[in-house]
Amino acid sequence: MFSGIEQFPRFPEFPATGKAQLDAQLSLMQALASASLDNAAKLAALNLQTAKAIMADYPLIAQQRMAASTPQEWLSQATVQVRPNLERMMTYGRQLADLTLAAQNDLSAAAQRATQAMQADHHSAQAPAAPQPAAPAKPKSAKKST
């Protein structure tokens, strides 16, 4: 897989600073995409875990409600089952908030690292070259007139 400016072989005339800038931007995009995909995978895992927990309890809940012989008994069963569902929803909300905060921190850190790298490249490209020592002056030869 290509990385950086190697993806664009038609543009060999890019100056070194342009290549460094493009490499830094591609690195930023790669870091952001990687962090985003990792966090999306964590979100999918959380949703799957929550769905499995709900589906695992569903047959027992349905059976208990079907066993009710009167509407009051059915309502009583439903009321008892509200608390565990509410607790599950609160836990899911906390985990989702933690995941969102971690994702925000990951993306911010990646962007900050890339920005610092771009600034370092920019400053190194603008740094004045070390002055070259002046060549010793050649003595002028005197011309003889004849």
C-alpha atoms as a PDB file:
ATOM      1  CA  MET A   1       0.000   0.000   0.000  1.00  0.00           C
ATOM      2  CA  PHE A   2       1.236   3.456  -0.823  1.00  0.00           C
ATOM      3  CA  SER A   3       1.720   6.044   1.819  1.00  0.00           C
ATOM      4  CA  GLY A   4       1.893   9.751   1.442  1.00  0.00           C
ATOM      5  CA  ILE A   5       2.829  11.436  -1.801  1.00  0.00           C
ATOM      6  CA  GLU A   6       3.789   8.123  -3.414  1.00  0.00           C
ATOM      7  CA  GLN A   7       0.101   7.766  -4.242  1.00  0.00           C
ATOM      8  CA  PHE A   8       0.446  10.605  -6.736  1.00  0.00           C
ATOM      9  CA  PRO A   9       3.285   9.705  -9.109  1.00  0.00           C
ATOM     10  CA  ARG A  10       2.149  12.275 -11.696  1.00  0.00           C
ATOM     11  CA  PHE A  11       3.216  15.133  -9.496  1.00  0.00           C
ATOM     12  CA  PRO A  12       6.968  14.769  -9.023  1.00  0.00           C
ATOM     13  CA  GLU A  13       7.359  18.546  -9.193  1.00  0.00           C
ATOM     14  CA  PHE A  14       5.891  19.083  -5.705  1.00  0.00           C
ATOM     15  CA  PRO A  15       8.370  20.989  -3.595  1.00  0.00           C
ATOM     16  CA  ALA A  16       9.622  19.277  -0.468  1.00  0.00           C
ATOM     17  CA  THR A  17       7.444  21.442   1.774  1.00  0.00           C
ATOM     18  CA  GLY A  18       4.361  20.563  -0.262  1.00  0.00           C
ATOM     19  CA  LYS A  19       5.177  16.872  -0.025  1.00  0.00           C
ATOM     20  CA  ALA A  20       5.692  17.135   3.726  1.00  0.00           C
ATOM     21  CA  GLN A  21       2.410  19.014   4.114  1.00  0.00           C
ATOM     22  CA  LEU A  22       0.514  16.472   2.028  1.00  0.00           C
ATOM     23  CA  ASP A  23       2.074  13.583   3.954  1.00  0.00           C
ATOM     24  CA  ALA A  24       1.085  15.239   7.232  1.00  0.00           C
ATOM     25  CA  GLN A  25      -2.493  15.739   6.032  1.00  0.00           C
ATOM     26  CA  LEU A  26      -2.742  12.144   4.824  1.00  0.00           C
ATOM     27  CA  SER A  27      -1.347  10.992   8.154  1.00  0.00           C
ATOM     28  CA  LEU A  28      -4.004  13.045   9.937  1.00  0.00           C
ATOM     29  CA  MET A  29      -6.774  11.540   7.820  1.00  0.00           C
ATOM     30  CA  GLN A  30      -5.442   8.042   8.454  1.00  0.00           C
ATOM     31  CA  ALA A  31      -5.263   8.642  12.215  1.00  0.00           C
ATOM     32  CA  LEU A  32      -8.793  10.075  12.316  1.00  0.00           C
ATOM     33  CA  ALA A  33     -10.192   7.238  10.206  1.00  0.00           C
ATOM     34  CA  SER A  34      -8.475   4.628  12.346  1.00  0.00           C
ATOM     35  CA  ALA A  35      -9.758   6.180  15.582  1.00  0.00           C
ATOM     36  CA  SER A  36     -13.252   6.489  14.111  1.00  0.00           C
ATOM     37  CA  LEU A  37     -13.342   2.855  13.026  1.00  0.00           C
ATOM     38  CA  ASP A  38     -12.084   1.659  16.407  1.00  0.00           C
ATOM     39  CA  ASN A  39     -14.772   3.644  18.185  1.00  0.00           C
ATOM     40  CA  ALA A  40     -17.451   2.466  15.764  1.00  0.00           C
ATOM     41  CA  ALA A  41     -16.438  -1.120  16.532  1.00  0.00           C
ATOM     42  CA  LYS A  42     -16.725  -0.412  20.267  1.00  0.00           C
ATOM     43  CA  LEU A  43     -20.177   1.120  19.740  1.00  0.00           C
ATOM     44  CA  ALA A  44     -21.307  -1.886  17.702  1.00  0.00           C
ATOM     45  CA  ALA A  45     -20.051  -4.227  20.435  1.00  0.00           C
ATOM     46  CA  LEU A  46     -21.939  -2.244  23.099  1.00  0.00           C
ATOM     47  CA  ASN A  47     -25.150  -2.321  21.052  1.00  0.00           C
ATOM     48  CA  LEU A  48     -24.774  -6.032  20.393  1.00  0.00           C
ATOM     49  CA  GLN A  49     -24.142  -6.752  24.073  1.00  0.00           C
ATOM     50  CA  THR A  50     -27.220  -4.748  25.067  1.00  0.00           C
ATOM     51  CA  ALA A  51     -29.397  -6.420  22.440  1.00  0.00           C
ATOM     52  CA  LYS A  52     -28.251  -9.880  23.569  1.00  0.00           C
ATOM     53  CA  ALA A  53     -29.061  -9.056  27.192  1.00  0.00           C
ATOM     54  CA  ILE A  54     -32.534  -7.837  26.248  1.00  0.00           C
ATOM     55  CA  MET A  55     -33.229 -10.851  24.043  1.00  0.00           C
ATOM     56  CA  ALA A  56     -31.987 -13.258  26.707  1.00  0.00           C
ATOM     57  CA  ASP A  57     -34.555 -11.938  29.190  1.00  0.00           C
ATOM     58  CA  TYR A  58     -37.417 -11.596  26.732  1.00  0.00           C
ATOM     59  CA  PRO A  59     -38.694 -15.222  26.707  1.00  0.00           C
ATOM     60  CA  LEU A  60     -38.964 -15.322  30.507  1.00  0.00           C
ATOM     61  CA  ILE A  61     -40.703 -11.934  30.606  1.00  0.00           C
ATOM     62  CA  ALA A  62     -43.142 -12.945  27.869  1.00  0.00           C
ATOM     63  CA  GLN A  63     -43.883 -16.232  29.620  1.00  0.00           C
ATOM     64  CA  GLN A  64     -44.579 -14.468  32.919  1.00  0.00           C
ATOM     65  CA  ARG A  65     -46.922 -11.989  31.268  1.00  0.00           C
ATOM     66  CA  MET A  66     -48.784 -14.719  29.364  1.00  0.00           C
ATOM     67  CA  ALA A  67     -49.269 -16.651  32.600  1.00  0.00           C
ATOM     68  CA  ALA A  68     -51.206 -13.752  34.070  1.00  0.00           C
ATOM     69  CA  SER A  69     -54.876 -14.627  34.342  1.00  0.00           C
ATOM     70  CA  THR A  70     -56.238 -11.131  35.017  1.00  0.00           C
ATOM     71  CA  PRO A  71     -55.346  -7.697  33.663  1.00  0.00           C
ATOM     72  CA  GLN A  72     -54.340  -6.609  37.170  1.00  0.00           C
ATOM     73  CA  GLU A  73     -51.885  -9.522  37.431  1.00  0.00           C
ATOM     74  CA  TRP A  74     -50.489  -8.695  33.979  1.00  0.00           C
ATOM     75  CA  LEU A  75     -50.044  -5.042  34.973  1.00  0.00           C
ATOM     76  CA  SER A  76     -48.380  -6.113  38.201  1.00  0.00           C
ATOM     77  CA  GLN A  77     -45.903  -8.264  36.237  1.00  0.00           C
ATOM     78  CA  ALA A  78     -45.179  -5.378  33.858  1.00  0.00           C
ATOM     79  CA  THR A  79     -44.591  -2.998  36.778  1.00  0.00           C
ATOM     80  CA  VAL A  80     -42.128  -5.377  38.421  1.00  0.00           C
ATOM     81  CA  GLN A  81     -40.180  -5.667  35.178  1.00  0.00           C
ATOM     82  CA  VAL A  82     -39.793  -1.910  34.717  1.00  0.00           C
ATOM     83  CA  ARG A  83     -37.017  -1.536  37.297  1.00  0.00           C
ATOM     84  CA  PRO A  84     -34.552  -4.020  35.693  1.00  0.00           C
ATOM     85  CA  ASN A  85     -35.214  -2.513  32.258  1.00  0.00           C
ATOM     86  CA  LEU A  86     -34.693   1.004  33.576  1.00  0.00           C
ATOM     87  CA  GLU A  87     -31.427  -0.038  35.246  1.00  0.00           C
ATOM     88  CA  ARG A  88     -30.294  -1.649  31.998  1.00  0.00           C
ATOM     89  CA  MET A  89     -31.082   1.534  30.081  1.00  0.00           C
ATOM     90  CA  MET A  90     -29.176   3.659  32.619  1.00  0.00           C
ATOM     91  CA  THR A  91     -26.162   1.364  32.386  1.00  0.00           C
ATOM     92  CA  TYR A  92     -26.287   1.540  28.602  1.00  0.00           C
ATOM     93  CA  GLY A  93     -26.466   5.342  28.762  1.00  0.00           C
ATOM     94  CA  ARG A  94     -23.427   5.527  31.059  1.00  0.00           C
ATOM     95  CA  GLN A  95     -21.442   3.159  28.844  1.00  0.00           C
ATOM     96  CA  LEU A  96     -22.447   5.143  25.761  1.00  0.00           C
ATOM     97  CA  ALA A  97     -21.394   8.403  27.417  1.00  0.00           C
ATOM     98  CA  ASP A  98     -18.028   6.873  28.380  1.00  0.00           C
ATOM     99  CA  LEU A  99     -17.557   5.596  24.845  1.00  0.00           C
ATOM    100  CA  THR A 100     -18.428   9.004  23.382  1.00  0.00           C
ATOM    101  CA  LEU A 101     -15.973  10.749  25.699  1.00  0.00           C
ATOM    102  CA  ALA A 102     -13.222   8.264  24.825  1.00  0.00           C
ATOM    103  CA  ALA A 103     -13.918   8.734  21.110  1.00  0.00           C
ATOM    104  CA  GLN A 104     -13.742  12.511  21.469  1.00  0.00           C
ATOM    105  CA  ASN A 105     -10.437  12.218  23.343  1.00  0.00           C
ATOM    106  CA  ASP A 106      -9.013   9.839  20.719  1.00  0.00           C
ATOM    107  CA  LEU A 107      -9.970  12.117  17.843  1.00  0.00           C
ATOM    108  CA  SER A 108      -8.680  15.225  19.624  1.00  0.00           C
ATOM    109  CA  ALA A 109      -5.367  13.563  20.438  1.00  0.00           C
ATOM    110  CA  ALA A 110      -4.929  12.359  16.856  1.00  0.00           C
ATOM    111  CA  ALA A 111      -5.695  15.799  15.483  1.00  0.00           C
ATOM    112  CA  GLN A 112      -3.349  17.456  17.958  1.00  0.00           C
ATOM    113  CA  ARG A 113      -0.480  15.079  17.116  1.00  0.00           C
ATOM    114  CA  ALA A 114      -0.978  15.663  13.410  1.00  0.00           C
ATOM    115  CA  THR A 115      -1.171  19.436  13.880  1.00  0.00           C
ATOM    116  CA  GLN A 116       2.045  19.428  15.888  1.00  0.00           C
ATOM    117  CA  ALA A 117       3.739  17.338  13.208  1.00  0.00           C
ATOM    118  CA  MET A 118       2.545  19.739  10.485  1.00  0.00           C
ATOM    119  CA  GLN A 119       3.772  22.724  12.469  1.00  0.00           C
ATOM    120  CA  ALA A 120       7.138  21.080  13.061  1.00  0.00           C
ATOM    121  CA  ASP A 121       7.467  20.346   9.340  1.00  0.00           C
ATOM    122  CA  HIS A 122       6.435  23.901   8.503  1.00  0.00           C
ATOM    123  CA  HIS A 123       8.937  25.421  10.916  1.00  0.00           C
ATOM    124  CA  SER A 124      11.758  23.174   9.746  1.00  0.00           C
ATOM    125  CA  ALA A 125      11.015  24.069   6.123  1.00  0.00           C
ATOM    126  CA  GLN A 126      11.051  27.783   6.921  1.00  0.00           C
ATOM    127  CA  ALA A 127      14.178  27.675   9.075  1.00  0.00           C
ATOM    128  CA  PRO A 128      16.924  29.674   7.387  1.00  0.00           C
ATOM    129  CA  ALA A 129      19.740  27.636   5.996  1.00  0.00           C
ATOM    130  CA  ALA A 130      23.022  27.872   7.855  1.00  0.00           C
ATOM    131  CA  PRO A 131      25.096  30.664   6.366  1.00  0.00           C
ATOM    132  CA  GLN A 132      27.825  29.426   4.097  1.00  0.00           C
ATOM    133  CA  PRO A 133      31.321  30.679   4.906  1.00  0.00           C
ATOM    134  CA  ALA A 134      32.423  33.272   2.426  1.00  0.00           C
ATOM    135  CA  ALA A 135      35.055  32.114  -0.035  1.00  0.00           C
ATOM    136  CA  PRO A 136      38.403  33.825   0.469  1.00  0.00           C
ATOM    137  CA  ALA A 137      38.901  36.676  -1.937  1.00  0.00           C
ATOM    138  CA  LYS A 138      41.412  36.024  -4.666  1.00  0.00           C
ATOM    139  CA  PRO A 139      44.179  38.577  -4.864  1.00  0.00           C
ATOM    140  CA  LYS A 140      43.980  40.639  -8.003  1.00  0.00           C
ATOM    141  CA  SER A 141      46.927  40.171 -10.218  1.00  0.00           C
ATOM    142  CA  ALA A 142      48.628  43.299 -11.343  1.00  0.00           C
ATOM    143  CA  LYS A 143      48.798  43.707 -15.086  1.00  0.00           C
ATOM    144  CA  LYS A 144      52.070  44.795 -16.532  1.00  0.00           C
ATOM    145  CA  SER A 145      51.953  47.200 -19.340  1.00  0.00           C
ATOM    146  CA  THR A 146      54.526  46.735 -21.997  1.00  0.00           C
END
